C-alpha atoms as a PDB file:
ATOM      1  CA  MET A   1     139.696  82.566 123.992  1.00  0.00           C
ATOM      2  CA  ALA A   2     139.796  86.260 123.120  1.00  0.00           C
ATOM      3  CA  VAL A   3     140.603  85.374 119.508  1.00  0.00           C
ATOM      4  CA  GLU A   4     137.504  83.164 119.282  1.00  0.00           C
ATOM      5  CA  VAL A   5     135.321  85.951 120.656  1.00  0.00           C
ATOM      6  CA  MET A   6     136.769  88.439 118.167  1.00  0.00           C
ATOM      7  CA  GLU A   7     136.176  85.993 115.308  1.00  0.00           C
ATOM      8  CA  ARG A   8     132.517  85.635 116.342  1.00  0.00           C
ATOM      9  CA  VAL A   9     132.125  89.407 116.602  1.00  0.00           C
ATOM     10  CA  ASN A  10     133.692  89.896 113.163  1.00  0.00           C
ATOM     11  CA  GLU A  11     131.453  87.188 111.707  1.00  0.00           C
ATOM     12  CA  GLN A  12     128.355  88.830 113.212  1.00  0.00           C
ATOM     13  CA  GLU A  13     129.382  92.234 111.828  1.00  0.00           C
ATOM     14  CA  ALA A  14     129.908  90.666 108.405  1.00  0.00           C
ATOM     15  CA  ASN A  15     126.437  89.106 108.563  1.00  0.00           C
ATOM     16  CA  ASP A  16     124.884  92.424 109.609  1.00  0.00           C
ATOM     17  CA  THR A  17     126.646  94.217 106.770  1.00  0.00           C
ATOM     18  CA  ARG A  18     125.507  91.596 104.266  1.00  0.00           C
ATOM     19  CA  ASP A  19     121.900  91.808 105.502  1.00  0.00           C
ATOM     20  CA  THR A  20     121.974  95.601 105.242  1.00  0.00           C
ATOM     21  CA  LEU A  21     123.297  95.428 101.688  1.00  0.00           C
ATOM     22  CA  PHE A  22     120.568  92.940 100.746  1.00  0.00           C
ATOM     23  CA  LEU A  23     117.905  95.200 102.271  1.00  0.00           C
ATOM     24  CA  LEU A  24     119.163  98.325 100.508  1.00  0.00           C
ATOM     25  CA  GLY A  25     119.623  96.460  97.238  1.00  0.00           C
ATOM     26  CA  GLY A  26     116.057  95.166  97.408  1.00  0.00           C
ATOM     27  CA  ALA A  27     114.705  98.635  98.149  1.00  0.00           C
ATOM     28  CA  ALA A  28     116.673 100.053  95.214  1.00  0.00           C
ATOM     29  CA  MET A  29     115.241  97.387  92.897  1.00  0.00           C
ATOM     30  CA  VAL A  30     111.691  98.149  94.063  1.00  0.00           C
ATOM     31  CA  ILE A  31     112.152 101.874  93.465  1.00  0.00           C
ATOM     32  CA  PHE A  32     113.746 101.252  90.062  1.00  0.00           C
ATOM     33  CA  GLY A  33     110.924  98.894  89.070  1.00  0.00           C
ATOM     34  CA  ALA A  34     108.266 101.370  90.168  1.00  0.00           C
ATOM     35  CA  GLY A  35     110.017 104.057  88.123  1.00  0.00           C
ATOM     36  CA  LEU A  36     109.998 101.829  85.056  1.00  0.00           C
ATOM     37  CA  ILE A  37     106.311 101.095  85.485  1.00  0.00           C
ATOM     38  CA  LEU A  38     105.385 104.741  86.061  1.00  0.00           C
ATOM     39  CA  ALA A  39     107.440 105.842  83.049  1.00  0.00           C
ATOM     40  CA  THR A  40     105.143 104.101  80.555  1.00  0.00           C
ATOM     41  CA  PRO A  41     102.618 106.367  78.814  1.00  0.00           C
ATOM     42  CA  VAL A  42      99.683 103.991  79.381  1.00  0.00           C
ATOM     43  CA  VAL A  43     100.187 103.975  83.151  1.00  0.00           C
ATOM     44  CA  ARG A  44     100.600 107.766  83.208  1.00  0.00           C
ATOM     45  CA  ARG A  45      97.347 108.184  81.306  1.00  0.00           C
ATOM     46  CA  HIS A  46      95.459 105.923  83.739  1.00  0.00           C
ATOM     47  CA  LEU A  47      96.923 107.628  86.809  1.00  0.00           C
ATOM     48  CA  GLY A  48      96.232 111.071  85.350  1.00  0.00           C
ATOM     49  CA  GLY A  49      92.558 110.228  84.969  1.00  0.00           C
ATOM     50  CA  ALA A  50      92.286 108.847  88.487  1.00  0.00           C
ATOM     51  CA  GLY A  51      92.921 112.166  90.195  1.00  0.00           C
ATOM     52  CA  ILE A  52      95.638 111.163  92.650  1.00  0.00           C
ATOM     53  CA  GLY A  53      95.527 114.586  94.314  1.00  0.00           C
ATOM     54  CA  SER A  54      91.865 114.194  95.232  1.00  0.00           C
ATOM     55  CA  LEU A  55      92.546 110.724  96.650  1.00  0.00           C
ATOM     56  CA  LEU A  56      95.338 112.081  98.838  1.00  0.00           C
ATOM     57  CA  SER A  57      93.251 114.979 100.092  1.00  0.00           C
ATOM     58  CA  ALA A  58      90.453 112.543 100.985  1.00  0.00           C
ATOM     59  CA  ALA A  59      92.874 110.299 102.891  1.00  0.00           C
ATOM     60  CA  VAL A  60      94.395 113.042 105.077  1.00  0.00           C
ATOM     61  CA  PRO A  61      91.471 113.268 107.585  1.00  0.00           C
ATOM     62  CA  ASP A  62      91.462 109.485 108.022  1.00  0.00           C
ATOM     63  CA  PHE A  63      95.205 109.496 108.617  1.00  0.00           C
ATOM     64  CA  GLN A  64      94.892 112.273 111.208  1.00  0.00           C
ATOM     65  CA  ARG A  65      92.121 110.344 112.968  1.00  0.00           C
ATOM     66  CA  PHE A  66      94.343 107.236 112.996  1.00  0.00           C
ATOM     67  CA  LEU A  67      97.188 109.206 114.612  1.00  0.00           C
ATOM     68  CA  LYS A  68      94.831 110.537 117.298  1.00  0.00           C
ATOM     69  CA  LEU A  69      93.580 107.023 118.105  1.00  0.00           C
ATOM     70  CA  ARG A  70      97.112 105.695 118.187  1.00  0.00           C
ATOM     71  CA  SER A  71      98.272 108.335 120.658  1.00  0.00           C
ATOM     72  CA  MET A  72      95.540 107.425 123.177  1.00  0.00           C
END
């Protein structure tokens, strides 16, 4: 009986490890793909004209308001 329990525990750990590897592998592929997209000159030119810094500074007050509402 103890052997069966240990086999189930080992199988569950193997499944958890596999799921973690799939998750990290997927995240790595997303980051790599975003890097490839952002490395192209056309995308850089479009993002440079958009003014990303101004968009972030405009979003900060909304984010702070969201955090205040969430803490209530």
